[in-house]
PDB file of N, CA and C in Angstrom:
ATOM      1  N   MET A   1     -19.369  29.821-124.438  1.00  0.00           N
ATOM      2  CA  MET A   1     -18.276  29.114-124.844  1.00  0.00           C
ATOM      3  C   MET A   1     -17.956  29.506-126.046  1.00  0.00           C
ATOM      4  N   ASN A   2     -16.764  29.631-126.916  1.00  0.00           N
ATOM      5  CA  ASN A   2     -16.503  30.003-127.573  1.00  0.00           C
ATOM      6  C   ASN A   2     -15.787  28.736-128.616  1.00  0.00           C
ATOM      7  N   ASN A   3     -16.700  28.452-129.565  1.00  0.00           N
ATOM      8  CA  ASN A   3     -16.409  27.048-130.099  1.00  0.00           C
ATOM      9  C   ASN A   3     -15.305  27.327-131.461  1.00  0.00           C
ATOM     10  N   LYS A   4     -15.073  28.559-132.223  1.00  0.00           N
ATOM     11  CA  LYS A   4     -14.392  28.714-133.156  1.00  0.00           C
ATOM     12  C   LYS A   4     -13.068  29.011-133.618  1.00  0.00           C
ATOM     13  N   HIS A   5     -12.367  28.969-132.246  1.00  0.00           N
ATOM     14  CA  HIS A   5     -11.117  28.864-132.562  1.00  0.00           C
ATOM     15  C   HIS A   5     -10.573  26.968-132.241  1.00  0.00           C
ATOM     16  N   PRO A   6      -9.611  26.802-133.458  1.00  0.00           N
ATOM     17  CA  PRO A   6      -9.010  25.601-133.134  1.00  0.00           C
ATOM     18  C   PRO A   6      -8.732  24.872-132.503  1.00  0.00           C
ATOM     19  N   GLY A   7      -7.706  25.877-131.725  1.00  0.00           N
ATOM     20  CA  GLY A   7      -7.042  25.556-130.337  1.00  0.00           C
ATOM     21  C   GLY A   7      -6.678  26.721-129.754  1.00  0.00           C
ATOM     22  N   LYS A   8      -6.240  26.264-128.424  1.00  0.00           N
ATOM     23  CA  LYS A   8      -5.893  27.316-127.536  1.00  0.00           C
ATOM     24  C   LYS A   8      -4.864  29.015-127.930  1.00  0.00           C
ATOM     25  N   ILE A   9      -4.890  29.890-128.076  1.00  0.00           N
ATOM     26  CA  ILE A   9      -3.278  30.539-127.663  1.00  0.00           C
ATOM     27  C   ILE A   9      -2.460  30.401-127.059  1.00  0.00           C
ATOM     28  N   LYS A  10      -1.074  29.595-126.995  1.00  0.00           N
ATOM     29  CA  LYS A  10      -0.585  29.952-125.223  1.00  0.00           C
ATOM     30  C   LYS A  10       0.620  31.110-125.752  1.00  0.00           C
ATOM     31  N   VAL A  11       0.613  31.343-124.534  1.00  0.00           N
ATOM     32  CA  VAL A  11       1.458  32.595-124.234  1.00  0.00           C
ATOM     33  C   VAL A  11       2.119  31.886-122.658  1.00  0.00           C
ATOM     34  N   CYS A  12       3.805  32.258-123.086  1.00  0.00           N
ATOM     35  CA  CYS A  12       4.510  32.277-122.130  1.00  0.00           C
ATOM     36  C   CYS A  12       5.153  32.802-121.999  1.00  0.00           C
ATOM     37  N   ILE A  13       5.084  33.930-120.662  1.00  0.00           N
ATOM     38  CA  ILE A  13       5.765  35.107-120.707  1.00  0.00           C
ATOM     39  C   ILE A  13       7.213  34.443-119.904  1.00  0.00           C
ATOM     40  N   CYS A  14       8.355  35.049-120.316  1.00  0.00           N
ATOM     41  CA  CYS A  14       9.598  34.956-119.407  1.00  0.00           C
ATOM     42  C   CYS A  14       9.463  35.738-118.061  1.00  0.00           C
ATOM     43  N   LEU A  15       9.836  34.882-116.686  1.00  0.00           N
ATOM     44  CA  LEU A  15      10.006  35.837-115.475  1.00  0.00           C
ATOM     45  C   LEU A  15      11.311  35.619-114.881  1.00  0.00           C
ATOM     46  N   GLY A  16      12.067  35.270-115.751  1.00  0.00           N
ATOM     47  CA  GLY A  16      13.718  35.516-115.276  1.00  0.00           C
ATOM     48  C   GLY A  16      13.680  36.423-114.403  1.00  0.00           C
ATOM     49  N   SER A  17      14.687  36.960-113.702  1.00  0.00           N
ATOM     50  CA  SER A  17      15.241  38.058-113.387  1.00  0.00           C
ATOM     51  C   SER A  17      15.682  39.154-114.021  1.00  0.00           C
ATOM     52  N   SER A  18      15.922  39.116-115.377  1.00  0.00           N
ATOM     53  CA  SER A  18      16.228  39.505-116.275  1.00  0.00           C
ATOM     54  C   SER A  18      15.461  40.225-116.824  1.00  0.00           C
ATOM     55  N   CYS A  19      14.196  39.409-117.425  1.00  0.00           N
ATOM     56  CA  CYS A  19      12.809  39.893-117.973  1.00  0.00           C
ATOM     57  C   CYS A  19      12.440  40.210-116.933  1.00  0.00           C
ATOM     58  N   PHE A  20      11.757  39.822-115.834  1.00  0.00           N
ATOM     59  CA  PHE A  20      11.431  40.577-115.174  1.00  0.00           C
ATOM     60  C   PHE A  20      11.680  41.869-114.314  1.00  0.00           C
ATOM     61  N   SER A  21      12.640  42.409-114.579  1.00  0.00           N
ATOM     62  CA  SER A  21      13.610  43.826-114.377  1.00  0.00           C
ATOM     63  C   SER A  21      13.176  44.763-115.385  1.00  0.00           C
ATOM     64  N   ARG A  22      12.964  44.022-117.106  1.00  0.00           N
ATOM     65  CA  ARG A  22      12.928  44.821-117.534  1.00  0.00           C
ATOM     66  C   ARG A  22      10.864  44.955-118.153  1.00  0.00           C
ATOM     67  N   GLY A  23      10.496  44.246-117.420  1.00  0.00           N
ATOM     68  CA  GLY A  23       8.983  44.279-117.846  1.00  0.00           C
ATOM     69  C   GLY A  23       8.174  43.674-117.721  1.00  0.00           C
ATOM     70  N   SER A  24       8.505  42.633-118.012  1.00  0.00           N
ATOM     71  CA  SER A  24       7.800  41.789-118.045  1.00  0.00           C
ATOM     72  C   SER A  24       6.774  41.070-116.882  1.00  0.00           C
ATOM     73  N   LYS A  25       6.558  41.415-115.816  1.00  0.00           N
ATOM     74  CA  LYS A  25       5.622  41.308-115.128  1.00  0.00           C
ATOM     75  C   LYS A  25       4.357  41.827-115.070  1.00  0.00           C
ATOM     76  N   GLU A  26       4.724  43.137-115.371  1.00  0.00           N
ATOM     77  CA  GLU A  26       3.644  44.436-116.096  1.00  0.00           C
ATOM     78  C   GLU A  26       2.926  43.945-117.485  1.00  0.00           C
ATOM     79  N   ALA A  27       3.647  43.128-117.919  1.00  0.00           N
ATOM     80  CA  ALA A  27       2.693  42.577-119.247  1.00  0.00           C
ATOM     81  C   ALA A  27       2.101  41.722-118.877  1.00  0.00           C
ATOM     82  N   LEU A  28       2.678  41.038-118.076  1.00  0.00           N
ATOM     83  CA  LEU A  28       1.814  39.347-117.684  1.00  0.00           C
ATOM     84  C   LEU A  28       0.712  40.110-116.492  1.00  0.00           C
ATOM     85  N   LYS A  29       0.640  41.406-116.036  1.00  0.00           N
ATOM     86  CA  LYS A  29      -0.173  41.700-115.614  1.00  0.00           C
ATOM     87  C   LYS A  29      -1.723  42.311-116.566  1.00  0.00           C
ATOM     88  N   VAL A  30      -0.844  43.562-117.491  1.00  0.00           N
ATOM     89  CA  VAL A  30      -1.790  43.663-118.372  1.00  0.00           C
ATOM     90  C   VAL A  30      -2.404  43.016-119.164  1.00  0.00           C
ATOM     91  N   LEU A  31      -1.826  41.833-119.569  1.00  0.00           N
ATOM     92  CA  LEU A  31      -2.285  40.955-120.820  1.00  0.00           C
ATOM     93  C   LEU A  31      -3.867  39.848-120.169  1.00  0.00           C
ATOM     94  N   GLN A  32      -3.360  39.516-118.331  1.00  0.00           N
ATOM     95  CA  GLN A  32      -4.590  39.060-117.463  1.00  0.00           C
ATOM     96  C   GLN A  32      -5.430  39.556-117.459  1.00  0.00           C
ATOM     97  N   GLU A  33      -5.550  41.445-117.590  1.00  0.00           N
ATOM     98  CA  GLU A  33      -7.262  41.644-117.416  1.00  0.00           C
ATOM     99  C   GLU A  33      -7.202  41.918-118.958  1.00  0.00           C
ATOM    100  N   TYR A  34      -6.643  42.133-119.845  1.00  0.00           N
ATOM    101  CA  TYR A  34      -6.964  42.270-121.638  1.00  0.00           C
ATOM    102  C   TYR A  34      -8.128  40.990-121.505  1.00  0.00           C
ATOM    103  N   VAL A  35      -7.343  39.691-120.581  1.00  0.00           N
ATOM    104  CA  VAL A  35      -7.597  38.432-121.265  1.00  0.00           C
ATOM    105  C   VAL A  35      -9.371  38.537-120.673  1.00  0.00           C
ATOM    106  N   LYS A  36      -9.286  39.014-119.172  1.00  0.00           N
ATOM    107  CA  LYS A  36     -10.729  38.691-118.631  1.00  0.00           C
ATOM    108  C   LYS A  36     -11.681  39.740-118.972  1.00  0.00           C
ATOM    109  N   ASN A  37     -11.318  41.134-119.377  1.00  0.00           N
ATOM    110  CA  ASN A  37     -12.072  41.881-119.587  1.00  0.00           C
ATOM    111  C   ASN A  37     -12.835  41.570-121.024  1.00  0.00           C
ATOM    112  N   ASN A  38     -11.822  40.488-121.799  1.00  0.00           N
ATOM    113  CA  ASN A  38     -12.445  40.418-123.433  1.00  0.00           C
ATOM    114  C   ASN A  38     -13.345  39.141-123.503  1.00  0.00           C
ATOM    115  N   ASN A  39     -13.338  38.211-121.731  1.00  0.00           N
ATOM    116  CA  ASN A  39     -13.609  37.223-122.194  1.00  0.00           C
ATOM    117  C   ASN A  39     -12.991  36.235-123.068  1.00  0.00           C
ATOM    118  N   LEU A  40     -12.040  35.880-122.942  1.00  0.00           N
ATOM    119  CA  LEU A  40     -11.037  35.231-124.040  1.00  0.00           C
ATOM    120  C   LEU A  40     -10.375  34.097-123.083  1.00  0.00           C
ATOM    121  N   ASP A  41     -10.640  34.120-121.798  1.00  0.00           N
ATOM    122  CA  ASP A  41     -10.020  32.965-120.609  1.00  0.00           C
ATOM    123  C   ASP A  41     -10.078  31.531-121.580  1.00  0.00           C
ATOM    124  N   ASP A  42     -11.120  31.358-122.392  1.00  0.00           N
ATOM    125  CA  ASP A  42     -10.856  30.016-122.951  1.00  0.00           C
ATOM    126  C   ASP A  42     -10.246  29.660-124.531  1.00  0.00           C
ATOM    127  N   ILE A  43      -9.777  30.838-124.546  1.00  0.00           N
ATOM    128  CA  ILE A  43      -9.195  31.128-126.189  1.00  0.00           C
ATOM    129  C   ILE A  43      -7.022  31.137-125.864  1.00  0.00           C
ATOM    130  N   VAL A  44      -7.417  31.784-124.710  1.00  0.00           N
ATOM    131  CA  VAL A  44      -5.941  32.226-124.330  1.00  0.00           C
ATOM    132  C   VAL A  44      -5.506  31.793-122.727  1.00  0.00           C
ATOM    133  N   ASP A  45      -4.164  31.079-123.302  1.00  0.00           N
ATOM    134  CA  ASP A  45      -3.862  30.255-122.232  1.00  0.00           C
ATOM    135  C   ASP A  45      -2.466  30.697-121.650  1.00  0.00           C
ATOM    136  N   ILE A  46      -2.579  31.626-120.328  1.00  0.00           N
ATOM    137  CA  ILE A  46      -1.145  31.904-120.010  1.00  0.00           C
ATOM    138  C   ILE A  46      -0.451  31.260-119.254  1.00  0.00           C
ATOM    139  N   SER A  47       0.912  30.912-119.310  1.00  0.00           N
ATOM    140  CA  SER A  47       1.912  30.743-118.431  1.00  0.00           C
ATOM    141  C   SER A  47       3.200  31.684-118.285  1.00  0.00           C
ATOM    142  N   GLY A  48       4.084  31.340-117.447  1.00  0.00           N
ATOM    143  CA  GLY A  48       4.894  31.745-117.043  1.00  0.00           C
ATOM    144  C   GLY A  48       6.809  30.853-117.026  1.00  0.00           C
ATOM    145  N   SER A  49       7.664  31.495-117.412  1.00  0.00           N
ATOM    146  CA  SER A  49       8.735  30.210-117.339  1.00  0.00           C
ATOM    147  C   SER A  49      10.072  31.651-116.783  1.00  0.00           C
ATOM    148  N   LEU A  50      10.741  30.673-116.200  1.00  0.00           N
ATOM    149  CA  LEU A  50      11.446  31.262-115.605  1.00  0.00           C
ATOM    150  C   LEU A  50      13.001  31.931-116.137  1.00  0.00           C
ATOM    151  N   CYS A  51      13.332  31.091-117.365  1.00  0.00           N
ATOM    152  CA  CYS A  51      14.532  31.678-118.053  1.00  0.00           C
ATOM    153  C   CYS A  51      14.020  31.001-119.709  1.00  0.00           C
ATOM    154  N   GLU A  52      14.024  31.505-120.598  1.00  0.00           N
ATOM    155  CA  GLU A  52      13.878  31.545-122.029  1.00  0.00           C
ATOM    156  C   GLU A  52      15.681  31.403-122.132  1.00  0.00           C
ATOM    157  N   GLY A  53      16.613  31.866-122.061  1.00  0.00           N
ATOM    158  CA  GLY A  53      17.834  31.796-122.649  1.00  0.00           C
ATOM    159  C   GLY A  53      17.866  33.159-123.350  1.00  0.00           C
ATOM    160  N   ASN A  54      17.781  33.926-123.897  1.00  0.00           N
ATOM    161  CA  ASN A  54      17.765  35.349-124.213  1.00  0.00           C
ATOM    162  C   ASN A  54      17.770  36.320-123.640  1.00  0.00           C
ATOM    163  N   CYS A  55      18.393  36.276-122.124  1.00  0.00           N
ATOM    164  CA  CYS A  55      18.118  37.260-121.391  1.00  0.00           C
ATOM    165  C   CYS A  55      18.539  38.323-122.481  1.00  0.00           C
ATOM    166  N   GLN A  56      19.248  38.918-122.791  1.00  0.00           N
ATOM    167  CA  GLN A  56      19.485  40.334-123.588  1.00  0.00           C
ATOM    168  C   GLN A  56      18.741  41.083-124.490  1.00  0.00           C
ATOM    169  N   ASP A  57      18.094  40.163-124.534  1.00  0.00           N
ATOM    170  CA  ASP A  57      16.413  40.881-125.927  1.00  0.00           C
ATOM    171  C   ASP A  57      15.442  40.875-125.262  1.00  0.00           C
ATOM    172  N   GLY A  58      15.161  40.484-123.775  1.00  0.00           N
ATOM    173  CA  GLY A  58      14.457  40.406-122.483  1.00  0.00           C
ATOM    174  C   GLY A  58      13.065  41.883-122.656  1.00  0.00           C
ATOM    175  N   PRO A  59      11.945  41.631-122.337  1.00  0.00           N
ATOM    176  CA  PRO A  59      11.527  40.894-122.146  1.00  0.00           C
ATOM    177  C   PRO A  59      10.828  39.513-122.985  1.00  0.00           C
ATOM    178  N   ASN A  60      11.208  38.689-122.936  1.00  0.00           N
ATOM    179  CA  ASN A  60      10.828  37.343-123.915  1.00  0.00           C
ATOM    180  C   ASN A  60       9.404  36.931-123.448  1.00  0.00           C
ATOM    181  N   VAL A  61       8.822  36.108-124.659  1.00  0.00           N
ATOM    182  CA  VAL A  61       7.803  35.560-125.356  1.00  0.00           C
ATOM    183  C   VAL A  61       7.298  34.943-126.265  1.00  0.00           C
ATOM    184  N   ILE A  62       6.822  33.621-125.632  1.00  0.00           N
ATOM    185  CA  ILE A  62       6.502  32.690-126.772  1.00  0.00           C
ATOM    186  C   ILE A  62       4.942  32.740-126.983  1.00  0.00           C
ATOM    187  N   ILE A  63       4.309  32.544-128.026  1.00  0.00           N
ATOM    188  CA  ILE A  63       2.861  32.662-128.330  1.00  0.00           C
ATOM    189  C   ILE A  63       2.970  31.596-129.318  1.00  0.00           C
ATOM    190  N   ASN A  64       2.322  30.176-128.817  1.00  0.00           N
ATOM    191  CA  ASN A  64       2.406  29.301-130.137  1.00  0.00           C
ATOM    192  C   ASN A  64       3.666  29.228-130.935  1.00  0.00           C
ATOM    193  N   ASN A  65       4.740  28.655-130.013  1.00  0.00           N
ATOM    194  CA  ASN A  65       5.802  28.414-130.247  1.00  0.00           C
ATOM    195  C   ASN A  65       6.918  29.294-130.945  1.00  0.00           C
ATOM    196  N   GLU A  66       6.422  30.586-131.177  1.00  0.00           N
ATOM    197  CA  GLU A  66       6.755  31.877-131.890  1.00  0.00           C
ATOM    198  C   GLU A  66       7.135  32.484-130.664  1.00  0.00           C
ATOM    199  N   ARG A  67       8.855  32.376-130.594  1.00  0.00           N
ATOM    200  CA  ARG A  67       9.354  33.320-129.647  1.00  0.00           C
ATOM    201  C   ARG A  67       9.357  35.029-130.295  1.00  0.00           C
ATOM    202  N   HIS A  68       8.747  35.876-129.462  1.00  0.00           N
ATOM    203  CA  HIS A  68       8.819  37.341-129.831  1.00  0.00           C
ATOM    204  C   HIS A  68      10.174  38.108-128.466  1.00  0.00           C
ATOM    205  N   LYS A  69      10.862  38.994-128.914  1.00  0.00           N
ATOM    206  CA  LYS A  69      11.339  40.059-127.973  1.00  0.00           C
ATOM    207  C   LYS A  69      11.480  41.115-128.122  1.00  0.00           C
ATOM    208  N   GLY A  70      11.931  42.098-126.494  1.00  0.00           N
ATOM    209  CA  GLY A  70      11.646  43.039-126.392  1.00  0.00           C
ATOM    210  C   GLY A  70       9.846  43.474-126.275  1.00  0.00           C
ATOM    211  N   ILE A  71       9.533  42.862-125.160  1.00  0.00           N
ATOM    212  CA  ILE A  71       7.689  43.107-125.089  1.00  0.00           C
ATOM    213  C   ILE A  71       7.639  43.913-123.938  1.00  0.00           C
ATOM    214  N   THR A  72       6.650  44.655-124.625  1.00  0.00           N
ATOM    215  CA  THR A  72       6.034  45.755-123.831  1.00  0.00           C
ATOM    216  C   THR A  72       4.591  45.579-123.866  1.00  0.00           C
ATOM    217  N   PRO A  73       4.159  46.180-122.262  1.00  0.00           N
ATOM    218  CA  PRO A  73       2.835  45.622-122.460  1.00  0.00           C
ATOM    219  C   PRO A  73       1.150  45.980-123.288  1.00  0.00           C
ATOM    220  N   GLY A  74       2.203  47.026-124.464  1.00  0.00           N
ATOM    221  CA  GLY A  74       1.287  46.912-125.559  1.00  0.00           C
ATOM    222  C   GLY A  74       1.354  46.740-126.437  1.00  0.00           C
ATOM    223  N   VAL A  75       2.567  46.130-127.037  1.00  0.00           N
ATOM    224  CA  VAL A  75       3.070  45.292-127.741  1.00  0.00           C
ATOM    225  C   VAL A  75       2.347  43.746-127.677  1.00  0.00           C
ATOM    226  N   LEU A  76       1.957  43.702-126.396  1.00  0.00           N
ATOM    227  CA  LEU A  76       1.832  41.996-126.139  1.00  0.00           C
ATOM    228  C   LEU A  76       0.267  41.856-126.802  1.00  0.00           C
ATOM    229  N   ILE A  77      -0.316  43.223-126.406  1.00  0.00           N
ATOM    230  CA  ILE A  77      -1.887  42.907-126.467  1.00  0.00           C
ATOM    231  C   ILE A  77      -1.985  42.419-128.054  1.00  0.00           C
ATOM    232  N   ASP A  78      -1.017  43.625-128.616  1.00  0.00           N
ATOM    233  CA  ASP A  78      -1.320  43.470-130.312  1.00  0.00           C
ATOM    234  C   ASP A  78      -1.119  42.466-130.323  1.00  0.00           C
ATOM    235  N   LEU A  79      -0.608  41.748-129.804  1.00  0.00           N
ATOM    236  CA  LEU A  79       0.399  40.104-130.923  1.00  0.00           C
ATOM    237  C   LEU A  79      -0.843  39.097-130.862  1.00  0.00           C
ATOM    238  N   VAL A  80      -1.038  39.497-128.535  1.00  0.00           N
ATOM    239  CA  VAL A  80      -2.923  38.485-128.743  1.00  0.00           C
ATOM    240  C   VAL A  80      -3.938  38.680-129.872  1.00  0.00           C
ATOM    241  N   LYS A  81      -3.723  39.816-129.857  1.00  0.00           N
ATOM    242  CA  LYS A  81      -5.134  40.236-130.918  1.00  0.00           C
ATOM    243  C   LYS A  81      -4.479  39.589-132.187  1.00  0.00           C
ATOM    244  N   TYR A  82      -3.520  39.956-132.553  1.00  0.00           N
ATOM    245  CA  TYR A  82      -3.267  39.048-134.167  1.00  0.00           C
ATOM    246  C   TYR A  82      -3.483  38.016-134.253  1.00  0.00           C
ATOM    247  N   TYR A  83      -2.867  37.082-133.116  1.00  0.00           N
ATOM    248  CA  TYR A  83      -3.076  35.487-132.747  1.00  0.00           C
ATOM    249  C   TYR A  83      -4.726  35.443-132.662  1.00  0.00           C
ATOM    250  N   VAL A  84      -5.562  35.855-131.990  1.00  0.00           N
ATOM    251  CA  VAL A  84      -7.045  35.498-132.346  1.00  0.00           C
ATOM    252  C   VAL A  84      -7.179  35.991-133.630  1.00  0.00           C
ATOM    253  N   ASN A  85      -7.003  36.897-134.180  1.00  0.00           N
ATOM    254  CA  ASN A  85      -7.436  37.311-135.553  1.00  0.00           C
ATOM    255  C   ASN A  85      -7.434  36.527-136.704  1.00  0.00           C
ATOM    256  N   LYS A  86      -6.214  35.742-136.317  1.00  0.00           N
ATOM    257  CA  LYS A  86      -5.333  35.041-137.275  1.00  0.00           C
ATOM    258  C   LYS A  86      -6.437  33.640-137.431  1.00  0.00           C
ATOM    259  N   ASP A  87      -6.398  33.234-135.987  1.00  0.00           N
ATOM    260  CA  ASP A  87      -7.285  32.048-135.567  1.00  0.00           C
ATOM    261  C   ASP A  87      -8.745  31.698-136.485  1.00  0.00           C
ATOM    262  N   ASP A  88      -9.446  33.462-135.835  1.00  0.00           N
ATOM    263  CA  ASP A  88     -10.799  34.064-136.306  1.00  0.00           C
ATOM    264  C   ASP A  88     -10.550  33.319-137.940  1.00  0.00           C
ATOM    265  N   LYS A  89      -9.272  33.858-138.837  1.00  0.00           N
ATOM    266  CA  LYS A  89      -9.536  33.321-139.834  1.00  0.00           C
ATOM    267  C   LYS A  89      -9.314  31.918-140.258  1.00  0.00           C
ATOM    268  N   ALA A  90      -8.378  31.760-139.487  1.00  0.00           N
ATOM    269  CA  ALA A  90      -8.113  30.280-140.152  1.00  0.00           C
ATOM    270  C   ALA A  90      -9.031  28.894-140.156  1.00  0.00           C
ATOM    271  N   SER A  91      -9.950  29.146-139.052  1.00  0.00           N
ATOM    272  CA  SER A  91     -11.456  28.538-138.644  1.00  0.00           C
ATOM    273  C   SER A  91     -12.819  29.118-139.731  1.00  0.00           C
ATOM    274  N   GLY A  92     -12.514  29.884-140.093  1.00  0.00           N
ATOM    275  CA  GLY A  92     -13.890  30.206-140.643  1.00  0.00           C
ATOM    276  C   GLY A  92     -13.780  30.668-142.028  1.00  0.00           C
TER     277      GLY A  92
END
């Protein structure tokens, strides 16, 4: 168990029809694999939503209440890495 993080990193991926058709399903799959392969299950909390109301900017992701738009799988992994490292620095 990793106790160095003050709280979980909450990742909410929009799975509404517009974001879904723009690749949010693939981003979700890649993120789930990344979290599993890097033993981040205790740190990263992944959820989905049906619509974030910004369909034209999708796929949309909210990480710790910060909205990110036009997410690709690679960008999502980079964002999660950023938040993990940000939490490491904040707690260390």
